[in-house]
Amino acid sequence: MDHIIRVTREFSFEMAHVLGDYDGPCRNVHGHSYRLFVTVAGIPVNNSNNPKNGMVIDFNDLNKIVEEKIIKLFDHSVVISRDFEKGKAEMLKTTFGNTVIVDYQPTCENLVNDFAGRLYNEFPGGVKLHSLRLYETAKSYAEWFASDNS
């Protein structure tokens, strides 16, 4: 009998952001050491002639997808909303270089939702994105589950 199995890989990256119009200290440029847990689900390959026999997805393939779609863009960047003050946004781009402009307030919650959208259709047949967990600090994270968003 074939059973659905979930596999998870952890990724780490450094990123700064600004929460424009926020009423606390996070309205200033500040950074975090993010940890992203990507969980996919599928039925392991059951074919002794296949080099991926016994795997839902090769962890190396999972790594390549997440590196390409998320880490390469967001690692060592400053993320700001498109609505951020234009003069300050230009200053950040000039000062920090790798500035990512998004269509949302770059909170942990909105980032994990964005990441889900970037990854959702990127996996090989039979492998589905199950969930993401994004730690912004050692004690704080946001989660996204496919089952909540279908």
N, C-alpha and C. Protein backbone atom coordinates (compact mmCIF):
# COMPACT_ATOMS: atom_id res chain seq x y z
N MET A 1 0.85 -1.19 0.00
CA MET A 1 0.00 0.00 0.00
C MET A 1 0.89 1.25 0.00
N ASP A 2 0.57 2.19 -0.87
CA ASP A 2 1.32 3.44 -0.94
C ASP A 2 0.78 4.43 0.09
N HIS A 3 1.69 5.06 0.79
CA HIS A 3 1.32 6.05 1.80
C HIS A 3 1.95 7.39 1.48
N ILE A 4 1.22 8.44 1.73
CA ILE A 4 1.77 9.79 1.55
C ILE A 4 2.72 10.07 2.70
N ILE A 5 3.89 10.55 2.34
CA ILE A 5 4.93 10.89 3.31
C ILE A 5 5.26 12.36 3.16
N ARG A 6 5.54 13.02 4.26
CA ARG A 6 5.97 14.42 4.23
C ARG A 6 7.46 14.47 4.53
N VAL A 7 8.17 15.28 3.76
CA VAL A 7 9.59 15.51 4.02
C VAL A 7 9.81 17.01 4.15
N THR A 8 10.76 17.37 4.99
CA THR A 8 11.02 18.78 5.30
C THR A 8 12.50 19.06 5.18
N ARG A 9 12.81 20.24 4.67
CA ARG A 9 14.20 20.72 4.63
C ARG A 9 14.21 22.12 5.20
N GLU A 10 15.24 22.40 5.98
CA GLU A 10 15.42 23.72 6.60
C GLU A 10 16.39 24.55 5.77
N PHE A 11 16.08 25.83 5.64
CA PHE A 11 16.93 26.79 4.95
C PHE A 11 17.16 27.98 5.86
N SER A 12 18.31 28.62 5.75
CA SER A 12 18.63 29.80 6.55
C SER A 12 19.06 30.92 5.62
N PHE A 13 18.67 32.13 5.96
CA PHE A 13 19.12 33.29 5.20
C PHE A 13 19.03 34.53 6.08
N GLU A 14 19.80 35.53 5.71
CA GLU A 14 19.84 36.81 6.42
C GLU A 14 19.07 37.83 5.59
N MET A 15 18.22 38.61 6.24
CA MET A 15 17.44 39.59 5.51
C MET A 15 17.06 40.73 6.43
N ALA A 16 17.06 41.92 5.88
CA ALA A 16 16.59 43.10 6.60
C ALA A 16 15.26 43.52 6.00
N HIS A 17 14.47 44.21 6.79
CA HIS A 17 13.23 44.77 6.26
C HIS A 17 12.86 46.01 7.04
N VAL A 18 11.85 46.70 6.53
CA VAL A 18 11.31 47.90 7.16
C VAL A 18 9.80 47.75 7.13
N LEU A 19 9.16 47.97 8.26
CA LEU A 19 7.70 47.95 8.32
C LEU A 19 7.21 49.40 8.35
N GLY A 20 7.02 49.96 7.16
CA GLY A 20 6.59 51.35 7.06
C GLY A 20 5.26 51.57 7.76
N ASP A 21 5.13 52.71 8.40
CA ASP A 21 3.91 53.12 9.12
C ASP A 21 3.59 52.25 10.32
N TYR A 22 4.50 51.37 10.72
CA TYR A 22 4.30 50.55 11.91
C TYR A 22 4.49 51.44 13.15
N ASP A 23 3.80 51.13 14.23
CA ASP A 23 3.85 51.98 15.42
C ASP A 23 4.85 51.50 16.47
N GLY A 24 5.83 50.71 16.05
CA GLY A 24 6.85 50.22 16.98
C GLY A 24 8.23 50.33 16.36
N PRO A 25 9.23 49.79 17.02
CA PRO A 25 10.62 49.94 16.56
C PRO A 25 10.90 49.27 15.21
N CYS A 26 10.06 48.35 14.77
CA CYS A 26 10.30 47.69 13.49
C CYS A 26 10.01 48.59 12.29
N ARG A 27 9.64 49.85 12.55
CA ARG A 27 9.49 50.81 11.46
C ARG A 27 10.86 51.25 10.95
N ASN A 28 11.91 50.90 11.71
CA ASN A 28 13.28 51.20 11.32
C ASN A 28 13.88 50.00 10.58
N VAL A 29 14.88 50.26 9.76
CA VAL A 29 15.57 49.17 9.07
C VAL A 29 16.20 48.27 10.13
N HIS A 30 15.93 46.98 10.04
CA HIS A 30 16.51 46.01 10.97
C HIS A 30 16.53 44.65 10.28
N GLY A 31 17.34 43.76 10.78
CA GLY A 31 17.50 42.47 10.12
C GLY A 31 17.24 41.30 11.04
N HIS A 32 17.09 40.14 10.41
CA HIS A 32 16.85 38.89 11.11
C HIS A 32 17.65 37.77 10.45
N SER A 33 17.91 36.76 11.22
CA SER A 33 18.44 35.50 10.70
C SER A 33 17.24 34.57 10.56
N TYR A 34 16.69 34.50 9.36
CA TYR A 34 15.48 33.73 9.10
C TYR A 34 15.80 32.24 8.96
N ARG A 35 14.85 31.41 9.40
CA ARG A 35 14.91 29.97 9.18
C ARG A 35 13.59 29.59 8.52
N LEU A 36 13.68 28.95 7.36
CA LEU A 36 12.51 28.55 6.60
C LEU A 36 12.47 27.03 6.51
N PHE A 37 11.36 26.45 6.95
CA PHE A 37 11.15 25.01 6.86
C PHE A 37 10.14 24.75 5.75
N VAL A 38 10.56 24.01 4.74
CA VAL A 38 9.71 23.70 3.59
C VAL A 38 9.34 22.22 3.68
N THR A 39 8.04 21.94 3.74
CA THR A 39 7.54 20.58 3.82
C THR A 39 6.73 20.27 2.58
N VAL A 40 7.09 19.18 1.92
CA VAL A 40 6.34 18.70 0.75
C VAL A 40 5.82 17.31 1.08
N ALA A 41 4.80 16.90 0.33
CA ALA A 41 4.19 15.59 0.57
C ALA A 41 4.02 14.86 -0.75
N GLY A 42 4.15 13.55 -0.68
CA GLY A 42 3.95 12.71 -1.85
C GLY A 42 4.18 11.26 -1.51
N ILE A 43 4.00 10.42 -2.49
CA ILE A 43 4.22 8.98 -2.33
C ILE A 43 5.64 8.67 -2.80
N PRO A 44 6.45 8.04 -1.96
CA PRO A 44 7.82 7.72 -2.38
C PRO A 44 7.83 6.86 -3.65
N VAL A 45 8.82 7.10 -4.49
CA VAL A 45 9.01 6.31 -5.70
C VAL A 45 9.19 4.85 -5.30
N ASN A 46 8.48 3.98 -6.00
CA ASN A 46 8.59 2.54 -5.73
C ASN A 46 8.98 1.85 -7.03
N ASN A 47 10.25 2.02 -7.38
CA ASN A 47 10.76 1.46 -8.64
C ASN A 47 12.26 1.24 -8.47
N SER A 48 12.65 0.00 -8.34
CA SER A 48 14.07 -0.31 -8.08
C SER A 48 14.98 0.10 -9.23
N ASN A 49 14.44 0.39 -10.40
CA ASN A 49 15.24 0.86 -11.52
C ASN A 49 15.41 2.38 -11.53
N ASN A 50 14.71 3.06 -10.65
CA ASN A 50 14.77 4.52 -10.58
C ASN A 50 15.80 4.92 -9.52
N PRO A 51 16.75 5.80 -9.85
CA PRO A 51 17.74 6.21 -8.86
C PRO A 51 17.13 6.96 -7.67
N LYS A 52 15.89 7.41 -7.80
CA LYS A 52 15.20 8.10 -6.70
C LYS A 52 14.29 7.14 -5.93
N ASN A 53 14.49 5.85 -6.09
CA ASN A 53 13.67 4.84 -5.42
C ASN A 53 13.63 5.11 -3.92
N GLY A 54 12.43 5.11 -3.37
CA GLY A 54 12.24 5.31 -1.93
C GLY A 54 12.12 6.77 -1.53
N MET A 55 12.24 7.69 -2.48
CA MET A 55 12.21 9.13 -2.15
C MET A 55 10.89 9.77 -2.60
N VAL A 56 10.39 10.70 -1.80
CA VAL A 56 9.30 11.58 -2.22
C VAL A 56 9.89 12.59 -3.20
N ILE A 57 11.00 13.19 -2.79
CA ILE A 57 11.77 14.13 -3.61
C ILE A 57 13.21 14.04 -3.15
N ASP A 58 14.12 14.12 -4.05
CA ASP A 58 15.54 14.16 -3.69
C ASP A 58 15.77 15.48 -2.95
N PHE A 59 16.36 15.43 -1.76
CA PHE A 59 16.61 16.65 -1.00
C PHE A 59 17.45 17.64 -1.79
N ASN A 60 18.32 17.15 -2.66
CA ASN A 60 19.10 18.05 -3.51
C ASN A 60 18.20 18.82 -4.48
N ASP A 61 17.18 18.16 -5.02
CA ASP A 61 16.24 18.83 -5.91
C ASP A 61 15.40 19.85 -5.15
N LEU A 62 14.97 19.49 -3.96
CA LEU A 62 14.22 20.43 -3.11
C LEU A 62 15.08 21.65 -2.82
N ASN A 63 16.34 21.41 -2.50
CA ASN A 63 17.26 22.50 -2.21
C ASN A 63 17.40 23.44 -3.42
N LYS A 64 17.56 22.90 -4.60
CA LYS A 64 17.72 23.72 -5.81
C LYS A 64 16.51 24.60 -6.05
N ILE A 65 15.32 24.05 -5.87
CA ILE A 65 14.09 24.81 -6.10
C ILE A 65 13.99 25.98 -5.13
N VAL A 66 14.19 25.72 -3.84
CA VAL A 66 14.05 26.78 -2.84
C VAL A 66 15.17 27.82 -2.98
N GLU A 67 16.37 27.36 -3.26
CA GLU A 67 17.48 28.31 -3.47
C GLU A 67 17.16 29.25 -4.64
N GLU A 68 16.66 28.69 -5.74
CA GLU A 68 16.37 29.48 -6.94
C GLU A 68 15.21 30.45 -6.73
N LYS A 69 14.14 29.99 -6.10
CA LYS A 69 12.91 30.78 -6.01
C LYS A 69 12.88 31.75 -4.83
N ILE A 70 13.65 31.47 -3.77
CA ILE A 70 13.56 32.31 -2.57
C ILE A 70 14.92 32.80 -2.10
N ILE A 71 15.82 31.90 -1.79
CA ILE A 71 17.07 32.27 -1.13
C ILE A 71 17.90 33.21 -1.99
N LYS A 72 18.04 32.89 -3.26
CA LYS A 72 18.85 33.72 -4.16
C LYS A 72 18.36 35.17 -4.19
N LEU A 73 17.06 35.38 -4.11
CA LEU A 73 16.48 36.72 -4.16
C LEU A 73 16.53 37.43 -2.81
N PHE A 74 16.16 36.72 -1.74
CA PHE A 74 15.96 37.39 -0.45
C PHE A 74 17.19 37.41 0.46
N ASP A 75 18.12 36.49 0.29
CA ASP A 75 19.28 36.44 1.18
C ASP A 75 20.11 37.72 1.05
N HIS A 76 20.46 38.29 2.18
CA HIS A 76 21.25 39.52 2.26
C HIS A 76 20.62 40.66 1.47
N SER A 77 19.30 40.77 1.59
CA SER A 77 18.58 41.87 0.94
C SER A 77 17.91 42.73 2.01
N VAL A 78 17.42 43.88 1.57
CA VAL A 78 16.53 44.71 2.36
C VAL A 78 15.20 44.68 1.63
N VAL A 79 14.14 44.30 2.34
CA VAL A 79 12.83 44.18 1.73
C VAL A 79 11.94 45.32 2.21
N ILE A 80 11.34 46.00 1.23
CA ILE A 80 10.43 47.10 1.54
C ILE A 80 9.17 46.98 0.70
N SER A 81 8.12 47.58 1.19
CA SER A 81 6.86 47.61 0.46
C SER A 81 6.94 48.66 -0.66
N ARG A 82 6.25 48.39 -1.74
CA ARG A 82 6.15 49.34 -2.84
C ARG A 82 5.57 50.67 -2.34
N ASP A 83 4.78 50.63 -1.25
CA ASP A 83 4.16 51.83 -0.70
C ASP A 83 5.08 52.63 0.22
N PHE A 84 6.29 52.13 0.45
CA PHE A 84 7.24 52.81 1.33
C PHE A 84 7.58 54.18 0.73
N GLU A 85 7.85 55.15 1.59
CA GLU A 85 8.16 56.52 1.12
C GLU A 85 9.22 56.51 0.03
N LYS A 86 8.88 57.13 -1.10
CA LYS A 86 9.73 57.07 -2.29
C LYS A 86 11.16 57.55 -2.01
N GLY A 87 11.32 58.67 -1.33
CA GLY A 87 12.67 59.19 -1.05
C GLY A 87 13.49 58.24 -0.20
N LYS A 88 12.86 57.68 0.80
CA LYS A 88 13.55 56.72 1.67
C LYS A 88 13.85 55.43 0.92
N ALA A 89 12.95 55.01 0.06
CA ALA A 89 13.16 53.79 -0.72
C ALA A 89 14.38 53.96 -1.62
N GLU A 90 14.50 55.10 -2.26
CA GLU A 90 15.66 55.36 -3.13
C GLU A 90 16.94 55.36 -2.32
N MET A 91 16.91 55.94 -1.13
CA MET A 91 18.08 55.97 -0.25
C MET A 91 18.47 54.55 0.15
N LEU A 92 17.49 53.70 0.46
CA LEU A 92 17.79 52.31 0.83
C LEU A 92 18.41 51.56 -0.34
N LYS A 93 17.87 51.75 -1.54
CA LYS A 93 18.42 51.09 -2.72
C LYS A 93 19.88 51.51 -2.94
N THR A 94 20.13 52.80 -2.79
CA THR A 94 21.49 53.31 -2.99
C THR A 94 22.43 52.81 -1.90
N THR A 95 21.97 52.82 -0.66
CA THR A 95 22.81 52.45 0.47
C THR A 95 23.07 50.95 0.55
N PHE A 96 22.03 50.15 0.37
CA PHE A 96 22.15 48.72 0.61
C PHE A 96 22.30 47.88 -0.65
N GLY A 97 22.01 48.44 -1.80
CA GLY A 97 22.16 47.67 -3.03
C GLY A 97 21.04 46.69 -3.25
N ASN A 98 21.13 45.51 -2.67
CA ASN A 98 20.15 44.45 -2.90
C ASN A 98 18.86 44.77 -2.16
N THR A 99 18.00 45.56 -2.80
CA THR A 99 16.72 45.95 -2.21
C THR A 99 15.61 45.26 -3.00
N VAL A 100 14.77 44.52 -2.29
CA VAL A 100 13.64 43.82 -2.91
C VAL A 100 12.38 44.61 -2.58
N ILE A 101 11.66 45.00 -3.60
CA ILE A 101 10.42 45.74 -3.41
C ILE A 101 9.25 44.79 -3.64
N VAL A 102 8.36 44.71 -2.65
CA VAL A 102 7.22 43.79 -2.71
C VAL A 102 5.92 44.58 -2.65
N ASP A 103 4.83 43.93 -2.99
CA ASP A 103 3.51 44.59 -3.02
C ASP A 103 2.76 44.44 -1.70
N TYR A 104 3.47 44.27 -0.62
CA TYR A 104 2.85 44.06 0.69
C TYR A 104 3.78 44.56 1.78
N GLN A 105 3.23 44.72 2.97
CA GLN A 105 4.05 45.05 4.14
C GLN A 105 4.88 43.80 4.46
N PRO A 106 6.22 43.88 4.49
CA PRO A 106 7.05 42.67 4.62
C PRO A 106 7.13 42.10 6.04
N THR A 107 5.96 41.73 6.56
CA THR A 107 5.90 41.05 7.85
C THR A 107 6.23 39.58 7.64
N CYS A 108 6.49 38.89 8.71
CA CYS A 108 6.75 37.45 8.64
C CYS A 108 5.56 36.73 8.00
N GLU A 109 4.35 37.13 8.38
CA GLU A 109 3.14 36.51 7.85
C GLU A 109 3.03 36.69 6.33
N ASN A 110 3.26 37.92 5.87
CA ASN A 110 3.16 38.18 4.43
C ASN A 110 4.30 37.53 3.66
N LEU A 111 5.47 37.48 4.25
CA LEU A 111 6.60 36.82 3.58
C LEU A 111 6.33 35.34 3.37
N VAL A 112 5.83 34.65 4.40
CA VAL A 112 5.59 33.21 4.25
C VAL A 112 4.51 32.95 3.21
N ASN A 113 3.53 33.83 3.12
CA ASN A 113 2.49 33.71 2.10
C ASN A 113 3.09 33.91 0.70
N ASP A 114 3.95 34.89 0.55
CA ASP A 114 4.65 35.14 -0.72
C ASP A 114 5.48 33.93 -1.11
N PHE A 115 6.23 33.39 -0.16
CA PHE A 115 7.09 32.23 -0.44
C PHE A 115 6.26 31.04 -0.90
N ALA A 116 5.09 30.85 -0.30
CA ALA A 116 4.21 29.75 -0.72
C ALA A 116 3.81 29.92 -2.18
N GLY A 117 3.49 31.15 -2.56
CA GLY A 117 3.13 31.40 -3.95
C GLY A 117 4.28 31.15 -4.90
N ARG A 118 5.49 31.47 -4.49
CA ARG A 118 6.67 31.27 -5.33
C ARG A 118 7.01 29.79 -5.49
N LEU A 119 6.64 28.97 -4.51
CA LEU A 119 7.01 27.55 -4.52
C LEU A 119 5.89 26.62 -4.98
N TYR A 120 4.66 27.05 -4.89
CA TYR A 120 3.50 26.15 -4.99
C TYR A 120 3.53 25.22 -6.20
N ASN A 121 3.83 25.72 -7.37
CA ASN A 121 3.79 24.90 -8.59
C ASN A 121 5.17 24.49 -9.09
N GLU A 122 6.16 24.49 -8.24
CA GLU A 122 7.54 24.25 -8.67
C GLU A 122 8.03 22.82 -8.48
N PHE A 123 7.24 21.97 -7.88
CA PHE A 123 7.71 20.63 -7.54
C PHE A 123 7.34 19.62 -8.62
N PRO A 124 8.11 18.53 -8.72
CA PRO A 124 7.82 17.52 -9.74
C PRO A 124 6.46 16.85 -9.50
N GLY A 125 5.93 16.22 -10.54
CA GLY A 125 4.63 15.56 -10.46
C GLY A 125 4.50 14.66 -9.25
N GLY A 126 3.36 14.74 -8.61
CA GLY A 126 3.09 13.91 -7.44
C GLY A 126 3.61 14.47 -6.13
N VAL A 127 4.39 15.55 -6.20
CA VAL A 127 4.93 16.19 -5.00
C VAL A 127 4.22 17.53 -4.83
N LYS A 128 3.62 17.73 -3.66
CA LYS A 128 2.85 18.94 -3.39
C LYS A 128 3.44 19.69 -2.20
N LEU A 129 3.39 21.01 -2.27
CA LEU A 129 3.78 21.82 -1.12
C LEU A 129 2.75 21.60 -0.02
N HIS A 130 3.21 21.15 1.12
CA HIS A 130 2.32 20.89 2.26
C HIS A 130 2.27 22.09 3.20
N SER A 131 3.47 22.60 3.57
CA SER A 131 3.49 23.71 4.53
C SER A 131 4.84 24.41 4.51
N LEU A 132 4.81 25.63 5.03
CA LEU A 132 6.03 26.42 5.25
C LEU A 132 5.97 26.95 6.67
N ARG A 133 7.12 27.01 7.28
CA ARG A 133 7.25 27.64 8.60
C ARG A 133 8.44 28.59 8.50
N LEU A 134 8.20 29.88 8.75
CA LEU A 134 9.24 30.89 8.65
C LEU A 134 9.49 31.50 10.02
N TYR A 135 10.68 31.21 10.57
CA TYR A 135 11.09 31.81 11.84
C TYR A 135 11.74 33.15 11.54
N GLU A 136 11.22 34.19 12.18
CA GLU A 136 11.82 35.52 12.07
C GLU A 136 12.81 35.73 13.22
N THR A 137 12.48 35.19 14.36
CA THR A 137 13.37 35.18 15.52
C THR A 137 13.38 33.75 16.07
N ALA A 138 14.20 33.51 17.06
CA ALA A 138 14.29 32.17 17.64
C ALA A 138 12.95 31.71 18.23
N LYS A 139 12.11 32.66 18.64
CA LYS A 139 10.86 32.32 19.31
C LYS A 139 9.60 32.69 18.54
N SER A 140 9.74 33.27 17.34
CA SER A 140 8.57 33.76 16.61
C SER A 140 8.58 33.28 15.17
N TYR A 141 7.46 32.73 14.74
CA TYR A 141 7.36 32.25 13.36
C TYR A 141 5.94 32.40 12.85
N ALA A 142 5.81 32.32 11.52
CA ALA A 142 4.51 32.27 10.85
C ALA A 142 4.48 30.99 10.03
N GLU A 143 3.28 30.41 9.88
CA GLU A 143 3.13 29.17 9.13
C GLU A 143 2.10 29.33 8.02
N TRP A 144 2.31 28.58 6.97
CA TRP A 144 1.37 28.49 5.85
C TRP A 144 1.13 27.01 5.60
N PHE A 145 -0.15 26.62 5.48
CA PHE A 145 -0.53 25.24 5.18
C PHE A 145 -1.38 25.21 3.92
N ALA A 146 -1.07 24.32 3.01
CA ALA A 146 -1.86 24.17 1.78
C ALA A 146 -3.32 23.86 2.13
N SER A 147 -3.54 23.05 3.15
CA SER A 147 -4.91 22.65 3.51
C SER A 147 -5.75 23.83 3.96
N ASP A 148 -5.12 24.89 4.44
CA ASP A 148 -5.86 26.09 4.85
C ASP A 148 -6.12 27.02 3.68
N ASN A 149 -5.48 26.78 2.56
CA ASN A 149 -5.50 27.73 1.45
C ASN A 149 -5.96 27.13 0.13
N SER A 150 -6.72 26.03 0.19
CA SER A 150 -7.15 25.42 -1.06
C SER A 150 -8.56 25.82 -1.41
